[in-house]
């Protein structure tokens, strides 16, 4: 049986490797799941995705990095709220 911390590490590494092998929908799913255990993984995956696939002139800003930052902020907020409500009650 794999522990929660070990699963978080494994899924984080898998999320960082996913942009090289999977379509963007699966990469987003992996990044969201990994951000439950380690929120900065979403930003790292967004930066990596933009470094690999960003085309200059196609958009004004790197969209994957912005979405990675948004997912990271949401996961940080959810972790803080979950810790507050679960451990105080």
PDB file of N, CA and C in Angstrom:
ATOM      1  N   UNK A   1       0.839  -1.185   0.000  1.00  0.00           N
ATOM      2  CA  UNK A   1       0.000   0.000   0.000  1.00  0.00           C
ATOM      3  C   UNK A   1       0.877   1.239   0.000  1.00  0.00           C
ATOM      4  N   UNK A   2       0.510   2.206  -0.777  1.00  0.00           N
ATOM      5  CA  UNK A   2       1.297   3.428  -0.895  1.00  0.00           C
ATOM      6  C   UNK A   2       0.684   4.507   0.006  1.00  0.00           C
ATOM      7  N   UNK A   3       1.528   5.225   0.726  1.00  0.00           N
ATOM      8  CA  UNK A   3       1.045   6.251   1.646  1.00  0.00           C
ATOM      9  C   UNK A   3       0.658   7.511   0.877  1.00  0.00           C
ATOM     10  N   UNK A   4      -0.051   8.419   1.552  1.00  0.00           N
ATOM     11  CA  UNK A   4      -0.493   9.651   0.913  1.00  0.00           C
ATOM     12  C   UNK A   4       0.654  10.539   0.489  1.00  0.00           C
ATOM     13  N   UNK A   5       1.682  10.631   1.337  1.00  0.00           N
ATOM     14  CA  UNK A   5       2.830  11.475   1.005  1.00  0.00           C
ATOM     15  C   UNK A   5       3.594  10.906  -0.193  1.00  0.00           C
ATOM     16  N   UNK A   6       3.774   9.605  -0.207  1.00  0.00           N
ATOM     17  CA  UNK A   6       4.479   8.959  -1.318  1.00  0.00           C
ATOM     18  C   UNK A   6       3.672   9.095  -2.612  1.00  0.00           C
ATOM     19  N   UNK A   7       2.347   8.948  -2.518  1.00  0.00           N
ATOM     20  CA  UNK A   7       1.495   9.116  -3.694  1.00  0.00           C
ATOM     21  C   UNK A   7       1.599  10.537  -4.232  1.00  0.00           C
ATOM     22  N   UNK A   8       1.658  11.524  -3.343  1.00  0.00           N
ATOM     23  CA  UNK A   8       1.818  12.912  -3.766  1.00  0.00           C
ATOM     24  C   UNK A   8       3.118  13.140  -4.503  1.00  0.00           C
ATOM     25  N   UNK A   9       4.185  12.498  -4.049  1.00  0.00           N
ATOM     26  CA  UNK A   9       5.472  12.629  -4.732  1.00  0.00           C
ATOM     27  C   UNK A   9       5.445  11.957  -6.099  1.00  0.00           C
ATOM     28  N   UNK A  10       4.841  10.788  -6.163  1.00  0.00           N
ATOM     29  CA  UNK A  10       4.772  10.048  -7.433  1.00  0.00           C
ATOM     30  C   UNK A  10       3.925  10.803  -8.451  1.00  0.00           C
ATOM     31  N   UNK A  11       2.763  11.295  -8.039  1.00  0.00           N
ATOM     32  CA  UNK A  11       1.897  12.006  -8.982  1.00  0.00           C
ATOM     33  C   UNK A  11       2.509  13.345  -9.382  1.00  0.00           C
ATOM     34  N   UNK A  12       3.300  13.964  -8.507  1.00  0.00           N
ATOM     35  CA  UNK A  12       3.984  15.213  -8.865  1.00  0.00           C
ATOM     36  C   UNK A  12       5.028  14.976  -9.948  1.00  0.00           C
ATOM     37  N   UNK A  13       5.790  13.921  -9.812  1.00  0.00           N
ATOM     38  CA  UNK A  13       6.785  13.586 -10.838  1.00  0.00           C
ATOM     39  C   UNK A  13       6.089  13.214 -12.143  1.00  0.00           C
ATOM     40  N   UNK A  14       4.999  12.458 -12.040  1.00  0.00           N
ATOM     41  CA  UNK A  14       4.242  12.085 -13.234  1.00  0.00           C
ATOM     42  C   UNK A  14       3.669  13.322 -13.926  1.00  0.00           C
ATOM     43  N   UNK A  15       3.197  14.305 -13.148  1.00  0.00           N
ATOM     44  CA  UNK A  15       2.643  15.529 -13.735  1.00  0.00           C
ATOM     45  C   UNK A  15       3.713  16.333 -14.458  1.00  0.00           C
ATOM     46  N   UNK A  16       4.944  16.299 -13.964  1.00  0.00           N
ATOM     47  CA  UNK A  16       6.023  17.028 -14.626  1.00  0.00           C
ATOM     48  C   UNK A  16       6.503  16.326 -15.899  1.00  0.00           C
ATOM     49  N   UNK A  17       6.306  15.030 -15.984  1.00  0.00           N
ATOM     50  CA  UNK A  17       6.689  14.279 -17.182  1.00  0.00           C
ATOM     51  C   UNK A  17       5.550  14.262 -18.208  1.00  0.00           C
ATOM     52  N   UNK A  18       4.314  14.444 -17.759  1.00  0.00           N
ATOM     53  CA  UNK A  18       3.136  14.316 -18.617  1.00  0.00           C
ATOM     54  C   UNK A  18       3.126  15.217 -19.849  1.00  0.00           C
ATOM     55  N   UNK A  19       3.602  16.471 -19.809  1.00  0.00           N
ATOM     56  CA  UNK A  19       3.545  17.290 -21.038  1.00  0.00           C
ATOM     57  C   UNK A  19       4.324  16.712 -22.215  1.00  0.00           C
ATOM     58  N   UNK A  20       5.267  15.851 -21.954  1.00  0.00           N
ATOM     59  CA  UNK A  20       6.046  15.259 -23.038  1.00  0.00           C
ATOM     60  C   UNK A  20       5.322  14.108 -23.736  1.00  0.00           C
ATOM     61  N   UNK A  21       4.344  13.500 -23.069  1.00  0.00           N
ATOM     62  CA  UNK A  21       3.742  12.281 -23.596  1.00  0.00           C
ATOM     63  C   UNK A  21       2.233  12.334 -23.814  1.00  0.00           C
ATOM     64  N   UNK A  22       1.517  13.220 -23.135  1.00  0.00           N
ATOM     65  CA  UNK A  22       0.058  13.194 -23.154  1.00  0.00           C
ATOM     66  C   UNK A  22      -0.521  14.488 -23.704  1.00  0.00           C
ATOM     67  N   UNK A  23      -1.782  14.446 -24.182  1.00  0.00           N
ATOM     68  CA  UNK A  23      -2.461  15.668 -24.626  1.00  0.00           C
ATOM     69  C   UNK A  23      -2.722  16.614 -23.446  1.00  0.00           C
ATOM     70  N   UNK A  24      -3.058  17.840 -23.761  1.00  0.00           N
ATOM     71  CA  UNK A  24      -3.151  18.866 -22.729  1.00  0.00           C
ATOM     72  C   UNK A  24      -4.236  18.575 -21.697  1.00  0.00           C
ATOM     73  N   UNK A  25      -5.309  17.880 -22.072  1.00  0.00           N
ATOM     74  CA  UNK A  25      -6.376  17.594 -21.106  1.00  0.00           C
ATOM     75  C   UNK A  25      -5.883  16.675 -19.991  1.00  0.00           C
ATOM     76  N   UNK A  26      -5.081  15.694 -20.338  1.00  0.00           N
ATOM     77  CA  UNK A  26      -4.530  14.793 -19.328  1.00  0.00           C
ATOM     78  C   UNK A  26      -3.458  15.485 -18.489  1.00  0.00           C
ATOM     79  N   UNK A  27      -2.747  16.399 -19.099  1.00  0.00           N
ATOM     80  CA  UNK A  27      -1.732  17.162 -18.360  1.00  0.00           C
ATOM     81  C   UNK A  27      -2.410  18.039 -17.314  1.00  0.00           C
ATOM     82  N   UNK A  28      -3.512  18.674 -17.689  1.00  0.00           N
ATOM     83  CA  UNK A  28      -4.255  19.508 -16.741  1.00  0.00           C
ATOM     84  C   UNK A  28      -4.798  18.654 -15.602  1.00  0.00           C
ATOM     85  N   UNK A  29      -5.337  17.495 -15.922  1.00  0.00           N
ATOM     86  CA  UNK A  29      -5.850  16.600 -14.885  1.00  0.00           C
ATOM     87  C   UNK A  29      -4.746  16.174 -13.925  1.00  0.00           C
ATOM     88  N   UNK A  30      -3.597  15.806 -14.453  1.00  0.00           N
ATOM     89  CA  UNK A  30      -2.461  15.420 -13.604  1.00  0.00           C
ATOM     90  C   UNK A  30      -1.996  16.583 -12.739  1.00  0.00           C
ATOM     91  N   UNK A  31      -1.970  17.789 -13.306  1.00  0.00           N
ATOM     92  CA  UNK A  31      -1.526  18.958 -12.549  1.00  0.00           C
ATOM     93  C   UNK A  31      -2.498  19.293 -11.424  1.00  0.00           C
ATOM     94  N   UNK A  32      -3.785  19.179 -11.688  1.00  0.00           N
ATOM     95  CA  UNK A  32      -4.782  19.466 -10.649  1.00  0.00           C
ATOM     96  C   UNK A  32      -4.702  18.437  -9.530  1.00  0.00           C
ATOM     97  N   UNK A  33      -4.583  17.172  -9.887  1.00  0.00           N
ATOM     98  CA  UNK A  33      -4.480  16.122  -8.863  1.00  0.00           C
ATOM     99  C   UNK A  33      -3.193  16.282  -8.063  1.00  0.00           C
ATOM    100  N   UNK A  34      -2.092  16.587  -8.730  1.00  0.00           N
ATOM    101  CA  UNK A  34      -0.815  16.754  -8.029  1.00  0.00           C
ATOM    102  C   UNK A  34      -0.815  17.988  -7.145  1.00  0.00           C
ATOM    103  N   UNK A  35      -1.571  19.019  -7.532  1.00  0.00           N
ATOM    104  CA  UNK A  35      -1.582  20.240  -6.728  1.00  0.00           C
ATOM    105  C   UNK A  35      -2.319  20.063  -5.407  1.00  0.00           C
ATOM    106  N   UNK A  36      -3.071  18.986  -5.270  1.00  0.00           N
ATOM    107  CA  UNK A  36      -3.698  18.700  -3.975  1.00  0.00           C
ATOM    108  C   UNK A  36      -2.624  18.416  -2.932  1.00  0.00           C
ATOM    109  N   UNK A  37      -1.570  17.721  -3.313  1.00  0.00           N
ATOM    110  CA  UNK A  37      -0.493  17.390  -2.386  1.00  0.00           C
ATOM    111  C   UNK A  37       0.621  18.428  -2.391  1.00  0.00           C
ATOM    112  N   UNK A  38       0.887  19.000  -3.554  1.00  0.00           N
ATOM    113  CA  UNK A  38       1.997  19.938  -3.692  1.00  0.00           C
ATOM    114  C   UNK A  38       1.559  21.063  -4.642  1.00  0.00           C
ATOM    115  N   UNK A  39       1.019  22.171  -4.107  1.00  0.00           N
ATOM    116  CA  UNK A  39       0.443  23.226  -4.958  1.00  0.00           C
ATOM    117  C   UNK A  39       1.382  23.828  -6.003  1.00  0.00           C
ATOM    118  N   UNK A  40       2.676  24.045  -5.749  1.00  0.00           N
ATOM    119  CA  UNK A  40       3.515  24.646  -6.796  1.00  0.00           C
ATOM    120  C   UNK A  40       3.723  23.770  -8.033  1.00  0.00           C
ATOM    121  N   UNK A  41       3.320  22.522  -7.983  1.00  0.00           N
ATOM    122  CA  UNK A  41       3.459  21.651  -9.152  1.00  0.00           C
ATOM    123  C   UNK A  41       2.618  22.180 -10.314  1.00  0.00           C
ATOM    124  N   UNK A  42       1.458  22.746 -10.020  1.00  0.00           N
ATOM    125  CA  UNK A  42       0.609  23.282 -11.089  1.00  0.00           C
ATOM    126  C   UNK A  42       1.317  24.412 -11.829  1.00  0.00           C
ATOM    127  N   UNK A  43       1.972  25.293 -11.104  1.00  0.00           N
ATOM    128  CA  UNK A  43       2.720  26.375 -11.743  1.00  0.00           C
ATOM    129  C   UNK A  43       3.904  25.826 -12.534  1.00  0.00           C
ATOM    130  N   UNK A  44       4.597  24.849 -11.974  1.00  0.00           N
ATOM    131  CA  UNK A  44       5.743  24.258 -12.671  1.00  0.00           C
ATOM    132  C   UNK A  44       5.308  23.570 -13.963  1.00  0.00           C
ATOM    133  N   UNK A  45       4.182  22.879 -13.923  1.00  0.00           N
ATOM    134  CA  UNK A  45       3.679  22.220 -15.131  1.00  0.00           C
ATOM    135  C   UNK A  45       3.265  23.268 -16.164  1.00  0.00           C
ATOM    136  N   UNK A  46       2.640  24.357 -15.726  1.00  0.00           N
ATOM    137  CA  UNK A  46       2.269  25.425 -16.650  1.00  0.00           C
ATOM    138  C   UNK A  46       3.475  26.067 -17.303  1.00  0.00           C
ATOM    139  N   UNK A  47       4.510  26.339 -16.518  1.00  0.00           N
ATOM    140  CA  UNK A  47       5.734  26.915 -17.079  1.00  0.00           C
ATOM    141  C   UNK A  47       6.405  25.951 -18.057  1.00  0.00           C
ATOM    142  N   UNK A  48       6.442  24.673 -17.690  1.00  0.00           N
ATOM    143  CA  UNK A  48       7.032  23.672 -18.574  1.00  0.00           C
ATOM    144  C   UNK A  48       6.236  23.535 -19.869  1.00  0.00           C
ATOM    145  N   UNK A  49       4.916  23.532 -19.751  1.00  0.00           N
ATOM    146  CA  UNK A  49       4.060  23.406 -20.929  1.00  0.00           C
ATOM    147  C   UNK A  49       4.258  24.587 -21.873  1.00  0.00           C
ATOM    148  N   UNK A  50       4.362  25.794 -21.309  1.00  0.00           N
ATOM    149  CA  UNK A  50       4.616  26.964 -22.156  1.00  0.00           C
ATOM    150  C   UNK A  50       6.015  26.947 -22.748  1.00  0.00           C
ATOM    151  N   UNK A  51       6.975  26.462 -22.008  1.00  0.00           N
ATOM    152  CA  UNK A  51       8.341  26.388 -22.539  1.00  0.00           C
ATOM    153  C   UNK A  51       8.422  25.425 -23.719  1.00  0.00           C
ATOM    154  N   UNK A  52       7.595  24.396 -23.698  1.00  0.00           N
ATOM    155  CA  UNK A  52       7.626  23.409 -24.776  1.00  0.00           C
ATOM    156  C   UNK A  52       6.771  23.845 -25.966  1.00  0.00           C
ATOM    157  N   UNK A  53       5.547  24.330 -25.699  1.00  0.00           N
ATOM    158  CA  UNK A  53       4.562  24.500 -26.768  1.00  0.00           C
ATOM    159  C   UNK A  53       4.175  25.938 -27.088  1.00  0.00           C
ATOM    160  N   UNK A  54       4.720  26.937 -26.410  1.00  0.00           N
ATOM    161  CA  UNK A  54       4.318  28.325 -26.660  1.00  0.00           C
ATOM    162  C   UNK A  54       4.829  28.798 -28.015  1.00  0.00           C
ATOM    163  N   UNK A  55       3.930  29.388 -28.801  1.00  0.00           N
ATOM    164  CA  UNK A  55       4.282  29.922 -30.116  1.00  0.00           C
ATOM    165  C   UNK A  55       4.175  31.441 -30.045  1.00  0.00           C
ATOM    166  N   UNK A  56       5.260  32.136 -30.315  1.00  0.00           N
ATOM    167  CA  UNK A  56       5.244  33.594 -30.283  1.00  0.00           C
ATOM    168  C   UNK A  56       4.323  34.120 -31.376  1.00  0.00           C
ATOM    169  N   UNK A  57       3.512  35.071 -31.020  1.00  0.00           N
ATOM    170  CA  UNK A  57       2.564  35.633 -31.967  1.00  0.00           C
ATOM    171  C   UNK A  57       1.208  34.958 -31.930  1.00  0.00           C
ATOM    172  N   UNK A  58       1.102  33.801 -31.318  1.00  0.00           N
ATOM    173  CA  UNK A  58      -0.179  33.107 -31.242  1.00  0.00           C
ATOM    174  C   UNK A  58      -1.064  33.705 -30.153  1.00  0.00           C
ATOM    175  N   UNK A  59      -0.464  34.178 -29.082  1.00  0.00           N
ATOM    176  CA  UNK A  59      -1.216  34.849 -28.025  1.00  0.00           C
ATOM    177  C   UNK A  59      -0.322  35.892 -27.363  1.00  0.00           C
ATOM    178  N   UNK A  60      -0.946  36.757 -26.601  1.00  0.00           N
ATOM    179  CA  UNK A  60      -0.215  37.854 -25.969  1.00  0.00           C
ATOM    180  C   UNK A  60       0.606  37.363 -24.782  1.00  0.00           C
ATOM    181  N   UNK A  61       0.051  36.405 -24.049  1.00  0.00           N
ATOM    182  CA  UNK A  61       0.730  35.928 -22.846  1.00  0.00           C
ATOM    183  C   UNK A  61       0.759  34.403 -22.831  1.00  0.00           C
ATOM    184  N   UNK A  62       1.642  33.837 -22.043  1.00  0.00           N
ATOM    185  CA  UNK A  62       1.684  32.373 -21.914  1.00  0.00           C
ATOM    186  C   UNK A  62       0.504  31.877 -21.072  1.00  0.00           C
ATOM    187  N   UNK A  63      -0.477  31.327 -21.718  1.00  0.00           N
ATOM    188  CA  UNK A  63      -1.736  30.971 -21.073  1.00  0.00           C
ATOM    189  C   UNK A  63      -1.569  29.837 -20.067  1.00  0.00           C
ATOM    190  N   UNK A  64      -0.769  28.844 -20.370  1.00  0.00           N
ATOM    191  CA  UNK A  64      -0.604  27.704 -19.459  1.00  0.00           C
ATOM    192  C   UNK A  64       0.037  28.137 -18.147  1.00  0.00           C
ATOM    193  N   UNK A  65       0.942  29.086 -18.193  1.00  0.00           N
ATOM    194  CA  UNK A  65       1.564  29.582 -16.963  1.00  0.00           C
ATOM    195  C   UNK A  65       0.557  30.328 -16.103  1.00  0.00           C
ATOM    196  N   UNK A  66      -0.305  31.101 -16.743  1.00  0.00           N
ATOM    197  CA  UNK A  66      -1.337  31.832 -15.999  1.00  0.00           C
ATOM    198  C   UNK A  66      -2.306  30.855 -15.351  1.00  0.00           C
ATOM    199  N   UNK A  67      -2.740  29.845 -16.099  1.00  0.00           N
ATOM    200  CA  UNK A  67      -3.645  28.845 -15.522  1.00  0.00           C
ATOM    201  C   UNK A  67      -2.958  28.029 -14.427  1.00  0.00           C
ATOM    202  N   UNK A  68      -1.684  27.745 -14.595  1.00  0.00           N
ATOM    203  CA  UNK A  68      -0.944  27.059 -13.539  1.00  0.00           C
ATOM    204  C   UNK A  68      -0.893  27.877 -12.265  1.00  0.00           C
ATOM    205  N   UNK A  69      -0.708  29.188 -12.408  1.00  0.00           N
ATOM    206  CA  UNK A  69      -0.695  30.076 -11.246  1.00  0.00           C
ATOM    207  C   UNK A  69      -2.065  30.123 -10.577  1.00  0.00           C
ATOM    208  N   UNK A  70      -3.128  30.170 -11.377  1.00  0.00           N
ATOM    209  CA  UNK A  70      -4.486  30.192 -10.827  1.00  0.00           C
ATOM    210  C   UNK A  70      -4.793  28.891 -10.089  1.00  0.00           C
ATOM    211  N   UNK A  71      -4.435  27.765 -10.681  1.00  0.00           N
ATOM    212  CA  UNK A  71      -4.667  26.473 -10.025  1.00  0.00           C
ATOM    213  C   UNK A  71      -3.852  26.374  -8.739  1.00  0.00           C
ATOM    214  N   UNK A  72      -2.631  26.897  -8.744  1.00  0.00           N
ATOM    215  CA  UNK A  72      -1.813  26.891  -7.536  1.00  0.00           C
ATOM    216  C   UNK A  72      -2.462  27.721  -6.435  1.00  0.00           C
ATOM    217  N   UNK A  73      -2.971  28.904  -6.769  1.00  0.00           N
ATOM    218  CA  UNK A  73      -3.630  29.741  -5.767  1.00  0.00           C
ATOM    219  C   UNK A  73      -4.881  29.075  -5.211  1.00  0.00           C
ATOM    220  N   UNK A  74      -5.672  28.461  -6.085  1.00  0.00           N
ATOM    221  CA  UNK A  74      -6.882  27.770  -5.630  1.00  0.00           C
ATOM    222  C   UNK A  74      -6.528  26.600  -4.723  1.00  0.00           C
ATOM    223  N   UNK A  75      -5.519  25.836  -5.084  1.00  0.00           N
ATOM    224  CA  UNK A  75      -5.149  24.684  -4.247  1.00  0.00           C
ATOM    225  C   UNK A  75      -4.557  25.133  -2.915  1.00  0.00           C
ATOM    226  N   UNK A  76      -3.806  26.241  -2.907  1.00  0.00           N
ATOM    227  CA  UNK A  76      -3.309  26.771  -1.633  1.00  0.00           C
ATOM    228  C   UNK A  76      -4.460  27.214  -0.738  1.00  0.00           C
ATOM    229  N   UNK A  77      -5.443  27.885  -1.324  1.00  0.00           N
ATOM    230  CA  UNK A  77      -6.606  28.323  -0.563  1.00  0.00           C
ATOM    231  C   UNK A  77      -7.392  27.132  -0.033  1.00  0.00           C
ATOM    232  N   UNK A  78      -7.600  26.125  -0.867  1.00  0.00           N
ATOM    233  CA  UNK A  78      -8.356  24.952  -0.434  1.00  0.00           C
ATOM    234  C   UNK A  78      -7.623  24.172   0.653  1.00  0.00           C
ATOM    235  N   UNK A  79      -6.305  24.082   0.552  1.00  0.00           N
ATOM    236  CA  UNK A  79      -5.536  23.399   1.600  1.00  0.00           C
ATOM    237  C   UNK A  79      -5.650  24.137   2.923  1.00  0.00           C
ATOM    238  N   UNK A  80      -5.558  25.464   2.858  1.00  0.00           N
ATOM    239  CA  UNK A  80      -5.655  26.258   4.086  1.00  0.00           C
ATOM    240  C   UNK A  80      -7.040  26.131   4.709  1.00  0.00           C
ATOM    241  N   UNK A  81      -8.092  26.195   3.893  1.00  0.00           N
ATOM    242  CA  UNK A  81      -9.442  26.058   4.419  1.00  0.00           C
ATOM    243  C   UNK A  81      -9.684  24.656   4.965  1.00  0.00           C
ATOM    244  N   UNK A  82      -9.182  23.640   4.280  1.00  0.00           N
ATOM    245  CA  UNK A  82      -9.371  22.265   4.748  1.00  0.00           C
ATOM    246  C   UNK A  82      -8.661  22.045   6.074  1.00  0.00           C
ATOM    247  N   UNK A  83      -7.462  22.568   6.220  1.00  0.00           N
ATOM    248  CA  UNK A  83      -6.747  22.419   7.488  1.00  0.00           C
ATOM    249  C   UNK A  83      -7.462  23.159   8.604  1.00  0.00           C
ATOM    250  N   UNK A  84      -7.994  24.340   8.310  1.00  0.00           N
ATOM    251  CA  UNK A  84      -8.683  25.124   9.327  1.00  0.00           C
ATOM    252  C   UNK A  84      -9.946  24.420   9.787  1.00  0.00           C
ATOM    253  N   UNK A  85     -10.771  23.971   8.853  1.00  0.00           N
ATOM    254  CA  UNK A  85     -12.040  23.369   9.224  1.00  0.00           C
ATOM    255  C   UNK A  85     -11.899  21.950   9.753  1.00  0.00           C
ATOM    256  N   UNK A  86     -10.910  21.208   9.299  1.00  0.00           N
ATOM    257  CA  UNK A  86     -10.769  19.830   9.751  1.00  0.00           C
ATOM    258  C   UNK A  86     -10.105  19.728  11.111  1.00  0.00           C
ATOM    259  N   UNK A  87      -9.134  20.586  11.384  1.00  0.00           N
ATOM    260  CA  UNK A  87      -8.384  20.450  12.622  1.00  0.00           C
ATOM    261  C   UNK A  87      -8.923  21.301  13.759  1.00  0.00           C
ATOM    262  N   UNK A  88      -9.718  22.322  13.469  1.00  0.00           N
ATOM    263  CA  UNK A  88     -10.275  23.155  14.529  1.00  0.00           C
ATOM    264  C   UNK A  88     -11.538  22.527  15.082  1.00  0.00           C
ATOM    265  N   UNK A  89     -12.356  21.928  14.234  1.00  0.00           N
ATOM    266  CA  UNK A  89     -13.641  21.374  14.672  1.00  0.00           C
ATOM    267  C   UNK A  89     -13.475  20.196  15.579  1.00  0.00           C
TER     268      UNK A  89
END
